[in-house]
Amino acid sequence: MKVRVRRIDPNEQKIPITTEYIKLESFLKLANVVESGGMAKNFILNEEVTVNGEVCTMRGKKLRPGDRVGFDGNMYLVTQGNENLT
């Protein structure tokens, strides 16, 4: 059995979603880090976004609670519902 241990980053921002998943492109807009879907698409295709520590070039990548997104030196944690925002 594999056990995955993740270091908790106190500086990561929690972004709650109310659905089962959200696409990466939409997540960047929800997190307010890009102004439009076109901007999100360009950043993703230029390999400037990571998902769970790996570069992701799929703008339709489904993110679920617990996934971590890295962009522009910042980390964002996908959370479920209305968990506390910090």
Protein backbone atom coordinates (compact mmCIF):
# COMPACT_ATOMS: atom_id res chain seq x y z
CA MET A 1 0.00 0.00 0.00
CA LYS A 2 1.38 3.39 -0.98
CA VAL A 3 1.02 6.34 1.35
CA ARG A 4 1.30 9.84 -0.03
CA VAL A 5 2.44 12.49 2.41
CA ARG A 6 1.98 16.13 1.48
CA ARG A 7 3.60 19.06 3.16
CA ILE A 8 1.07 21.69 4.22
CA ASP A 9 1.97 25.11 2.88
CA PRO A 10 0.70 27.86 5.21
CA ASN A 11 0.78 30.34 2.32
CA GLU A 12 -1.47 28.39 -0.03
CA GLN A 13 -4.89 29.87 -0.67
CA LYS A 14 -7.95 27.68 -0.28
CA ILE A 15 -10.42 27.99 -3.15
CA PRO A 16 -13.77 26.28 -2.47
CA ILE A 17 -15.86 24.66 -5.19
CA THR A 18 -19.47 23.52 -4.83
CA THR A 19 -19.40 20.87 -7.55
CA GLU A 20 -17.70 17.48 -7.81
CA TYR A 21 -14.91 18.95 -9.94
CA ILE A 22 -13.85 22.07 -11.83
CA LYS A 23 -11.81 22.34 -15.00
CA LEU A 24 -8.35 23.87 -14.66
CA GLU A 25 -9.14 26.77 -16.98
CA SER A 26 -12.27 27.64 -14.97
CA PHE A 27 -10.40 27.24 -11.70
CA LEU A 28 -7.86 29.89 -12.64
CA LYS A 29 -10.72 32.29 -13.34
CA LEU A 30 -12.50 31.34 -10.09
CA ALA A 31 -9.31 31.90 -8.10
CA ASN A 32 -9.12 35.36 -9.71
CA VAL A 33 -5.58 34.85 -11.01
CA VAL A 34 -6.47 35.44 -14.67
CA GLU A 35 -8.98 37.81 -16.24
CA SER A 36 -10.29 35.55 -18.99
CA GLY A 37 -10.40 32.03 -20.32
CA GLY A 38 -8.09 33.07 -23.15
CA MET A 39 -5.43 34.17 -20.69
CA ALA A 40 -5.83 30.93 -18.75
CA LYS A 41 -5.47 28.91 -21.96
CA ASN A 42 -2.22 30.67 -22.87
CA PHE A 43 -0.66 30.20 -19.42
CA ILE A 44 -1.64 26.52 -19.38
CA LEU A 45 -0.36 25.81 -22.90
CA ASN A 46 2.90 27.65 -22.13
CA GLU A 47 3.49 25.19 -19.27
CA GLU A 48 3.22 27.86 -16.56
CA VAL A 49 0.68 25.98 -14.40
CA THR A 50 1.26 22.95 -12.18
CA VAL A 51 -1.28 20.52 -10.76
CA ASN A 52 -0.14 18.51 -7.75
CA GLY A 53 3.47 19.43 -8.45
CA GLU A 54 3.53 18.49 -12.15
CA VAL A 55 3.27 20.78 -15.17
CA CYS A 56 -0.18 20.46 -16.72
CA THR A 57 -1.00 21.51 -20.29
CA MET A 58 -4.60 20.23 -20.29
CA ARG A 59 -6.91 23.18 -19.78
CA GLY A 60 -9.83 20.77 -19.31
CA LYS A 61 -8.03 18.88 -16.52
CA LYS A 62 -10.60 18.02 -13.85
CA LEU A 63 -9.62 19.29 -10.42
CA ARG A 64 -11.21 17.80 -7.32
CA PRO A 65 -11.00 18.81 -3.66
CA GLY A 66 -7.48 18.13 -2.38
CA ASP A 67 -5.76 19.05 -5.66
CA ARG A 68 -3.12 21.77 -5.55
CA VAL A 69 -2.54 24.25 -8.35
CA GLY A 70 0.64 26.29 -8.71
CA PHE A 71 0.73 29.48 -10.76
CA ASP A 72 2.96 32.54 -10.77
CA GLY A 73 4.74 31.52 -7.56
CA ASN A 74 1.51 30.96 -5.64
CA MET A 75 -0.23 27.77 -4.50
CA TYR A 76 -3.97 27.19 -4.46
CA LEU A 77 -5.78 24.31 -2.77
CA VAL A 78 -9.10 23.11 -4.17
CA THR A 79 -11.52 22.59 -1.26
CA GLN A 80 -15.11 21.39 -1.05
CA GLY A 81 -18.03 23.69 -0.37
CA ASN A 82 -17.76 26.46 2.13
CA GLU A 83 -14.68 25.41 4.13
CA ASN A 84 -12.86 28.21 5.90
CA LEU A 85 -11.04 30.58 3.58
CA THR A 86 -7.54 31.67 4.56
